[in-house]
Amino acid sequence: MKRLKKLAVLLVTALVLATTGCGQEFDAQGYVQGDLDAVLKGEISADYLKLVDSTEEEILAENEEIMDENMAVFTELGLSDEMVEKYRGYMTELMKMCKYTVGEAEKTSDGYTVPVTVEPILFGEALNNALGDAETDLVNWITEVAASGEVPSDEEIIEKTYDILYTYLDASLEEIQYGEGVEYTLHVYKGSDNKYTVNEDDVTALGESIIDVSGV
């Protein structure tokens, strides 16, 4: 009887370990999907938060920090806070329009590989069209101001230029075009902090392709 009890304990222990092990298998596909959705679209799922052991507030704060870094170039141009906020909103909407499909992860000796197919936004074409239209409006504005006897400052010209450009770029969101899908392989591995991360070179390659600025 004691042997049967001991055997029963061993069987139950083995079953618990097995089911626990299955549950702890890292969801690399969900991690990559969650990462892209969080950064590009601002969509943060409960499953993703569990995978990265973080809170929605922390993820949103990281997103804001990334956007602040991107907006620094507009601030350095001397644009007003109001204009910088316009471009922050525009970039947020543009990022939400990024198209990507995350494939099934494959386990490797040091982590996982996850295929991601990107359909790049053809931003170069949209920007060139907007620049062409904005140039005409800017010349007209400068002519009108000069006719009134005023001379706009360099700061005013820069502000007006980006204001006009924003109007055309914002309108172009409804007509965004996409290129052919290209597949990238992301390598997911456990870092020194014992948390999973994606190879930096892989992230850079994907990031540079998701919005195509060629032809600008």
C-alpha atoms as a PDB file:
ATOM      1  CA  MET A   1       0.000   0.000   0.000  1.00  0.00           C
ATOM      2  CA  LYS A   2       2.836   2.394   0.899  1.00  0.00           C
ATOM      3  CA  ARG A   3       4.464   1.690  -2.456  1.00  0.00           C
ATOM      4  CA  LEU A   4       1.189   2.473  -4.242  1.00  0.00           C
ATOM      5  CA  LYS A   5       0.856   5.706  -2.292  1.00  0.00           C
ATOM      6  CA  LYS A   6       4.416   6.660  -3.174  1.00  0.00           C
ATOM      7  CA  LEU A   7       3.771   5.813  -6.821  1.00  0.00           C
ATOM      8  CA  ALA A   8       0.603   7.919  -6.778  1.00  0.00           C
ATOM      9  CA  VAL A   9       2.546  10.865  -5.363  1.00  0.00           C
ATOM     10  CA  LEU A  10       5.206  10.496  -8.068  1.00  0.00           C
ATOM     11  CA  LEU A  11       2.568  10.346 -10.799  1.00  0.00           C
ATOM     12  CA  VAL A  12       0.773  13.438  -9.521  1.00  0.00           C
ATOM     13  CA  THR A  13       4.082  15.311  -9.182  1.00  0.00           C
ATOM     14  CA  ALA A  14       5.087  14.324 -12.721  1.00  0.00           C
ATOM     15  CA  LEU A  15       1.707  15.457 -14.057  1.00  0.00           C
ATOM     16  CA  VAL A  16       1.962  18.840 -12.300  1.00  0.00           C
ATOM     17  CA  LEU A  17       5.498  19.407 -13.573  1.00  0.00           C
ATOM     18  CA  ALA A  18       4.497  18.475 -17.103  1.00  0.00           C
ATOM     19  CA  THR A  19       1.483  20.761 -17.241  1.00  0.00           C
ATOM     20  CA  THR A  20       3.397  23.584 -15.580  1.00  0.00           C
ATOM     21  CA  GLY A  21       6.204  23.188 -18.090  1.00  0.00           C
ATOM     22  CA  CYS A  22       3.765  23.406 -20.988  1.00  0.00           C
ATOM     23  CA  GLY A  23       2.203  26.526 -19.564  1.00  0.00           C
ATOM     24  CA  GLN A  24       5.578  28.231 -19.142  1.00  0.00           C
ATOM     25  CA  GLU A  25       6.648  27.770 -22.762  1.00  0.00           C
ATOM     26  CA  PHE A  26       7.470  31.291 -23.939  1.00  0.00           C
ATOM     27  CA  ASP A  27       5.076  32.653 -26.570  1.00  0.00           C
ATOM     28  CA  ALA A  28       7.621  34.249 -28.916  1.00  0.00           C
ATOM     29  CA  GLN A  29       5.010  34.919 -31.601  1.00  0.00           C
ATOM     30  CA  GLY A  30       2.740  36.658 -29.108  1.00  0.00           C
ATOM     31  CA  TYR A  31       5.703  38.620 -27.767  1.00  0.00           C
ATOM     32  CA  VAL A  32       6.667  39.987 -31.206  1.00  0.00           C
ATOM     33  CA  GLN A  33       3.029  40.665 -32.101  1.00  0.00           C
ATOM     34  CA  GLY A  34       2.487  42.437 -28.798  1.00  0.00           C
ATOM     35  CA  ASP A  35       5.672  44.473 -29.172  1.00  0.00           C
ATOM     36  CA  LEU A  36       4.756  45.722 -32.634  1.00  0.00           C
ATOM     37  CA  ASP A  37       1.139  46.418 -31.673  1.00  0.00           C
ATOM     38  CA  ALA A  38       2.205  48.319 -28.551  1.00  0.00           C
ATOM     39  CA  VAL A  39       4.864  50.492 -30.199  1.00  0.00           C
ATOM     40  CA  LEU A  40       3.201  51.157 -33.547  1.00  0.00           C
ATOM     41  CA  LYS A  41      -0.516  51.088 -32.780  1.00  0.00           C
ATOM     42  CA  GLY A  42      -0.638  51.754 -29.056  1.00  0.00           C
ATOM     43  CA  GLU A  43      -2.583  48.514 -28.572  1.00  0.00           C
ATOM     44  CA  ILE A  44      -1.563  46.755 -25.358  1.00  0.00           C
ATOM     45  CA  SER A  45      -3.109  43.393 -24.491  1.00  0.00           C
ATOM     46  CA  ALA A  46      -3.203  41.683 -21.101  1.00  0.00           C
ATOM     47  CA  ASP A  47      -1.362  38.682 -22.570  1.00  0.00           C
ATOM     48  CA  TYR A  48       1.461  40.924 -23.764  1.00  0.00           C
ATOM     49  CA  LEU A  49       1.793  42.572 -20.357  1.00  0.00           C
ATOM     50  CA  LYS A  50       2.209  39.125 -18.809  1.00  0.00           C
ATOM     51  CA  LEU A  51       4.885  38.184 -21.341  1.00  0.00           C
ATOM     52  CA  VAL A  52       6.956  41.291 -20.629  1.00  0.00           C
ATOM     53  CA  ASP A  53       6.089  41.418 -16.919  1.00  0.00           C
ATOM     54  CA  SER A  54       5.087  45.065 -17.137  1.00  0.00           C
ATOM     55  CA  THR A  55       2.119  47.382 -16.703  1.00  0.00           C
ATOM     56  CA  GLU A  56       0.161  49.332 -19.299  1.00  0.00           C
ATOM     57  CA  GLU A  57       1.312  52.577 -17.683  1.00  0.00           C
ATOM     58  CA  GLU A  58       4.962  51.581 -18.071  1.00  0.00           C
ATOM     59  CA  ILE A  59       4.506  50.619 -21.723  1.00  0.00           C
ATOM     60  CA  LEU A  60       2.675  53.865 -22.500  1.00  0.00           C
ATOM     61  CA  ALA A  61       5.417  55.841 -20.769  1.00  0.00           C
ATOM     62  CA  GLU A  62       8.024  54.092 -22.935  1.00  0.00           C
ATOM     63  CA  ASN A  63       5.982  54.916 -26.040  1.00  0.00           C
ATOM     64  CA  GLU A  64       5.840  58.570 -25.016  1.00  0.00           C
ATOM     65  CA  GLU A  65       9.598  58.602 -24.495  1.00  0.00           C
ATOM     66  CA  ILE A  66      10.173  57.162 -27.981  1.00  0.00           C
ATOM     67  CA  MET A  67       7.822  59.717 -29.523  1.00  0.00           C
ATOM     68  CA  ASP A  68       9.527  62.548 -27.617  1.00  0.00           C
ATOM     69  CA  GLU A  69      12.833  61.494 -29.161  1.00  0.00           C
ATOM     70  CA  ASN A  70      11.265  61.490 -32.629  1.00  0.00           C
ATOM     71  CA  MET A  71       9.692  64.902 -32.084  1.00  0.00           C
ATOM     72  CA  ALA A  72      12.965  66.452 -30.925  1.00  0.00           C
ATOM     73  CA  VAL A  73      13.940  67.190 -34.517  1.00  0.00           C
ATOM     74  CA  PHE A  74      10.824  69.363 -34.946  1.00  0.00           C
ATOM     75  CA  THR A  75      11.526  71.178 -31.681  1.00  0.00           C
ATOM     76  CA  GLU A  76      15.097  71.850 -32.803  1.00  0.00           C
ATOM     77  CA  LEU A  77      13.725  73.527 -35.939  1.00  0.00           C
ATOM     78  CA  GLY A  78      12.146  76.105 -33.662  1.00  0.00           C
ATOM     79  CA  LEU A  79       8.553  75.082 -34.298  1.00  0.00           C
ATOM     80  CA  SER A  80       5.921  76.077 -31.761  1.00  0.00           C
ATOM     81  CA  ASP A  81       4.674  73.563 -29.209  1.00  0.00           C
ATOM     82  CA  GLU A  82       1.318  73.562 -30.997  1.00  0.00           C
ATOM     83  CA  MET A  83       2.941  72.639 -34.312  1.00  0.00           C
ATOM     84  CA  VAL A  84       5.047  69.899 -32.711  1.00  0.00           C
ATOM     85  CA  GLU A  85       1.861  68.424 -31.226  1.00  0.00           C
ATOM     86  CA  LYS A  86       0.265  68.414 -34.678  1.00  0.00           C
ATOM     87  CA  TYR A  87       3.135  66.349 -36.037  1.00  0.00           C
ATOM     88  CA  ARG A  88       3.059  64.087 -32.999  1.00  0.00           C
ATOM     89  CA  GLY A  89      -0.569  63.351 -33.773  1.00  0.00           C
ATOM     90  CA  TYR A  90       0.189  62.816 -37.442  1.00  0.00           C
ATOM     91  CA  MET A  91       3.038  60.398 -36.723  1.00  0.00           C
ATOM     92  CA  THR A  92       0.840  58.505 -34.263  1.00  0.00           C
ATOM     93  CA  GLU A  93      -1.820  58.012 -36.950  1.00  0.00           C
ATOM     94  CA  LEU A  94       0.759  57.088 -39.600  1.00  0.00           C
ATOM     95  CA  MET A  95       2.272  54.423 -37.341  1.00  0.00           C
ATOM     96  CA  LYS A  96      -1.177  52.935 -36.725  1.00  0.00           C
ATOM     97  CA  MET A  97      -1.463  52.368 -40.474  1.00  0.00           C
ATOM     98  CA  CYS A  98       1.649  50.162 -40.632  1.00  0.00           C
ATOM     99  CA  LYS A  99       0.907  46.701 -42.037  1.00  0.00           C
ATOM    100  CA  TYR A 100       2.652  43.588 -40.734  1.00  0.00           C
ATOM    101  CA  THR A 101       1.827  39.934 -40.238  1.00  0.00           C
ATOM    102  CA  VAL A 102       3.574  37.917 -37.533  1.00  0.00           C
ATOM    103  CA  GLY A 103       4.101  34.251 -38.375  1.00  0.00           C
ATOM    104  CA  GLU A 104       4.536  31.177 -36.211  1.00  0.00           C
ATOM    105  CA  ALA A 105       7.649  31.056 -34.030  1.00  0.00           C
ATOM    106  CA  GLU A 106      10.236  28.299 -34.287  1.00  0.00           C
ATOM    107  CA  LYS A 107      12.349  27.237 -31.329  1.00  0.00           C
ATOM    108  CA  THR A 108      16.131  27.369 -31.770  1.00  0.00           C
ATOM    109  CA  SER A 109      19.098  26.401 -29.642  1.00  0.00           C
ATOM    110  CA  ASP A 110      19.282  29.876 -28.076  1.00  0.00           C
ATOM    111  CA  GLY A 111      15.711  31.117 -28.323  1.00  0.00           C
ATOM    112  CA  TYR A 112      13.232  31.507 -31.185  1.00  0.00           C
ATOM    113  CA  THR A 113      12.928  32.842 -34.701  1.00  0.00           C
ATOM    114  CA  VAL A 114       9.756  34.701 -35.660  1.00  0.00           C
ATOM    115  CA  PRO A 115       8.929  35.623 -39.286  1.00  0.00           C
ATOM    116  CA  VAL A 116       7.302  39.015 -39.852  1.00  0.00           C
ATOM    117  CA  THR A 117       5.952  40.039 -43.260  1.00  0.00           C
ATOM    118  CA  VAL A 118       5.890  43.809 -43.781  1.00  0.00           C
ATOM    119  CA  GLU A 119       3.901  45.714 -46.392  1.00  0.00           C
ATOM    120  CA  PRO A 120       5.788  49.041 -46.361  1.00  0.00           C
ATOM    121  CA  ILE A 121       3.958  52.343 -46.408  1.00  0.00           C
ATOM    122  CA  LEU A 122       5.030  54.208 -49.561  1.00  0.00           C
ATOM    123  CA  PHE A 123       5.687  57.394 -47.650  1.00  0.00           C
ATOM    124  CA  GLY A 124       8.177  58.850 -50.120  1.00  0.00           C
ATOM    125  CA  GLU A 125       5.475  59.289 -52.735  1.00  0.00           C
ATOM    126  CA  ALA A 126       3.031  60.830 -50.262  1.00  0.00           C
ATOM    127  CA  LEU A 127       5.679  63.243 -48.955  1.00  0.00           C
ATOM    128  CA  ASN A 128       6.781  64.364 -52.415  1.00  0.00           C
ATOM    129  CA  ASN A 129       3.184  65.086 -53.403  1.00  0.00           C
ATOM    130  CA  ALA A 130       2.626  67.033 -50.196  1.00  0.00           C
ATOM    131  CA  LEU A 131       5.842  69.012 -50.663  1.00  0.00           C
ATOM    132  CA  GLY A 132       4.835  69.981 -54.193  1.00  0.00           C
ATOM    133  CA  ASP A 133       1.425  71.229 -53.108  1.00  0.00           C
ATOM    134  CA  ALA A 134       2.825  72.967 -50.030  1.00  0.00           C
ATOM    135  CA  GLU A 135       5.443  74.844 -52.057  1.00  0.00           C
ATOM    136  CA  THR A 136       2.766  76.508 -54.189  1.00  0.00           C
ATOM    137  CA  ASP A 137       0.749  77.550 -51.138  1.00  0.00           C
ATOM    138  CA  LEU A 138       3.858  78.869 -49.386  1.00  0.00           C
ATOM    139  CA  VAL A 139       4.841  81.065 -52.337  1.00  0.00           C
ATOM    140  CA  ASN A 140       1.313  82.471 -52.427  1.00  0.00           C
ATOM    141  CA  TRP A 141       1.414  83.203 -48.698  1.00  0.00           C
ATOM    142  CA  ILE A 142       4.783  84.973 -48.892  1.00  0.00           C
ATOM    143  CA  THR A 143       3.522  87.036 -51.847  1.00  0.00           C
ATOM    144  CA  GLU A 144       0.412  88.088 -49.909  1.00  0.00           C
ATOM    145  CA  VAL A 145       2.416  89.015 -46.830  1.00  0.00           C
ATOM    146  CA  ALA A 146       4.914  91.005 -48.900  1.00  0.00           C
ATOM    147  CA  ALA A 147       2.062  92.832 -50.664  1.00  0.00           C
ATOM    148  CA  SER A 148       0.807  94.015 -47.290  1.00  0.00           C
ATOM    149  CA  GLY A 149       4.162  95.648 -46.629  1.00  0.00           C
ATOM    150  CA  GLU A 150       5.309  93.126 -44.012  1.00  0.00           C
ATOM    151  CA  VAL A 151       8.433  90.980 -44.102  1.00  0.00           C
ATOM    152  CA  PRO A 152       7.956  87.570 -42.416  1.00  0.00           C
ATOM    153  CA  SER A 153      10.788  86.413 -40.185  1.00  0.00           C
ATOM    154  CA  ASP A 154      12.678  83.182 -40.798  1.00  0.00           C
ATOM    155  CA  GLU A 155      10.862  81.658 -37.829  1.00  0.00           C
ATOM    156  CA  GLU A 156       7.477  82.620 -39.252  1.00  0.00           C
ATOM    157  CA  ILE A 157       8.353  81.164 -42.642  1.00  0.00           C
ATOM    158  CA  ILE A 158       9.464  77.881 -41.104  1.00  0.00           C
ATOM    159  CA  GLU A 159       6.310  77.682 -38.957  1.00  0.00           C
ATOM    160  CA  LYS A 160       4.079  78.431 -41.944  1.00  0.00           C
ATOM    161  CA  THR A 161       5.938  75.924 -44.132  1.00  0.00           C
ATOM    162  CA  TYR A 162       5.341  73.090 -41.699  1.00  0.00           C
ATOM    163  CA  ASP A 163       1.777  74.193 -41.067  1.00  0.00           C
ATOM    164  CA  ILE A 164       0.959  73.992 -44.784  1.00  0.00           C
ATOM    165  CA  LEU A 165       2.856  70.727 -45.166  1.00  0.00           C
ATOM    166  CA  TYR A 166       0.981  69.203 -42.220  1.00  0.00           C
ATOM    167  CA  THR A 167      -2.361  69.986 -43.875  1.00  0.00           C
ATOM    168  CA  TYR A 168      -1.418  68.014 -46.999  1.00  0.00           C
ATOM    169  CA  LEU A 169       0.246  65.161 -45.117  1.00  0.00           C
ATOM    170  CA  ASP A 170      -2.723  64.747 -42.805  1.00  0.00           C
ATOM    171  CA  ALA A 171      -5.093  64.624 -45.795  1.00  0.00           C
ATOM    172  CA  SER A 172      -2.853  62.047 -47.514  1.00  0.00           C
ATOM    173  CA  LEU A 173      -3.481  59.502 -44.731  1.00  0.00           C
ATOM    174  CA  GLU A 174      -6.705  58.561 -46.474  1.00  0.00           C
ATOM    175  CA  GLU A 175      -4.800  57.671 -49.653  1.00  0.00           C
ATOM    176  CA  ILE A 176      -1.781  55.844 -48.249  1.00  0.00           C
ATOM    177  CA  GLN A 177      -0.389  53.172 -50.577  1.00  0.00           C
ATOM    178  CA  TYR A 178       1.561  50.036 -49.639  1.00  0.00           C
ATOM    179  CA  GLY A 179       4.393  48.140 -51.291  1.00  0.00           C
ATOM    180  CA  GLU A 180       4.821  44.402 -51.806  1.00  0.00           C
ATOM    181  CA  GLY A 181       5.162  42.295 -48.679  1.00  0.00           C
ATOM    182  CA  VAL A 182       8.715  41.472 -47.551  1.00  0.00           C
ATOM    183  CA  GLU A 183       9.472  38.844 -44.916  1.00  0.00           C
ATOM    184  CA  TYR A 184      11.954  39.462 -42.108  1.00  0.00           C
ATOM    185  CA  THR A 185      13.156  36.989 -39.509  1.00  0.00           C
ATOM    186  CA  LEU A 186      13.401  38.236 -35.942  1.00  0.00           C
ATOM    187  CA  HIS A 187      15.618  36.368 -33.506  1.00  0.00           C
ATOM    188  CA  VAL A 188      14.193  36.327 -29.982  1.00  0.00           C
ATOM    189  CA  TYR A 189      16.535  35.350 -27.164  1.00  0.00           C
ATOM    190  CA  LYS A 190      16.867  35.664 -23.410  1.00  0.00           C
ATOM    191  CA  GLY A 191      19.129  38.544 -22.396  1.00  0.00           C
ATOM    192  CA  SER A 192      21.451  38.955 -19.438  1.00  0.00           C
ATOM    193  CA  ASP A 193      18.516  40.198 -17.343  1.00  0.00           C
ATOM    194  CA  ASN A 194      16.803  36.843 -17.948  1.00  0.00           C
ATOM    195  CA  LYS A 195      14.086  38.550 -20.031  1.00  0.00           C
ATOM    196  CA  TYR A 196      13.398  37.850 -23.680  1.00  0.00           C
ATOM    197  CA  THR A 197      14.330  40.456 -26.254  1.00  0.00           C
ATOM    198  CA  VAL A 198      14.679  40.762 -30.036  1.00  0.00           C
ATOM    199  CA  ASN A 199      18.029  41.024 -31.814  1.00  0.00           C
ATOM    200  CA  GLU A 200      18.749  44.732 -32.295  1.00  0.00           C
ATOM    201  CA  ASP A 201      19.935  44.394 -35.914  1.00  0.00           C
ATOM    202  CA  ASP A 202      16.716  42.549 -36.789  1.00  0.00           C
ATOM    203  CA  VAL A 203      14.617  45.309 -35.226  1.00  0.00           C
ATOM    204  CA  THR A 204      16.570  47.969 -37.134  1.00  0.00           C
ATOM    205  CA  ALA A 205      16.127  46.193 -40.469  1.00  0.00           C
ATOM    206  CA  LEU A 206      12.390  45.784 -39.938  1.00  0.00           C
ATOM    207  CA  GLY A 207      11.978  49.324 -38.633  1.00  0.00           C
ATOM    208  CA  GLU A 208      13.756  50.842 -41.645  1.00  0.00           C
ATOM    209  CA  SER A 209      11.492  48.941 -44.040  1.00  0.00           C
ATOM    210  CA  ILE A 210       8.066  49.438 -42.498  1.00  0.00           C
ATOM    211  CA  ILE A 211       7.847  53.039 -43.820  1.00  0.00           C
ATOM    212  CA  ASP A 212       9.454  53.386 -47.256  1.00  0.00           C
ATOM    213  CA  VAL A 213      10.955  56.866 -47.718  1.00  0.00           C
ATOM    214  CA  SER A 214      12.705  56.131 -51.014  1.00  0.00           C
ATOM    215  CA  GLY A 215      12.427  58.781 -53.685  1.00  0.00           C
ATOM    216  CA  VAL A 216      12.384  61.691 -51.227  1.00  0.00           C
END
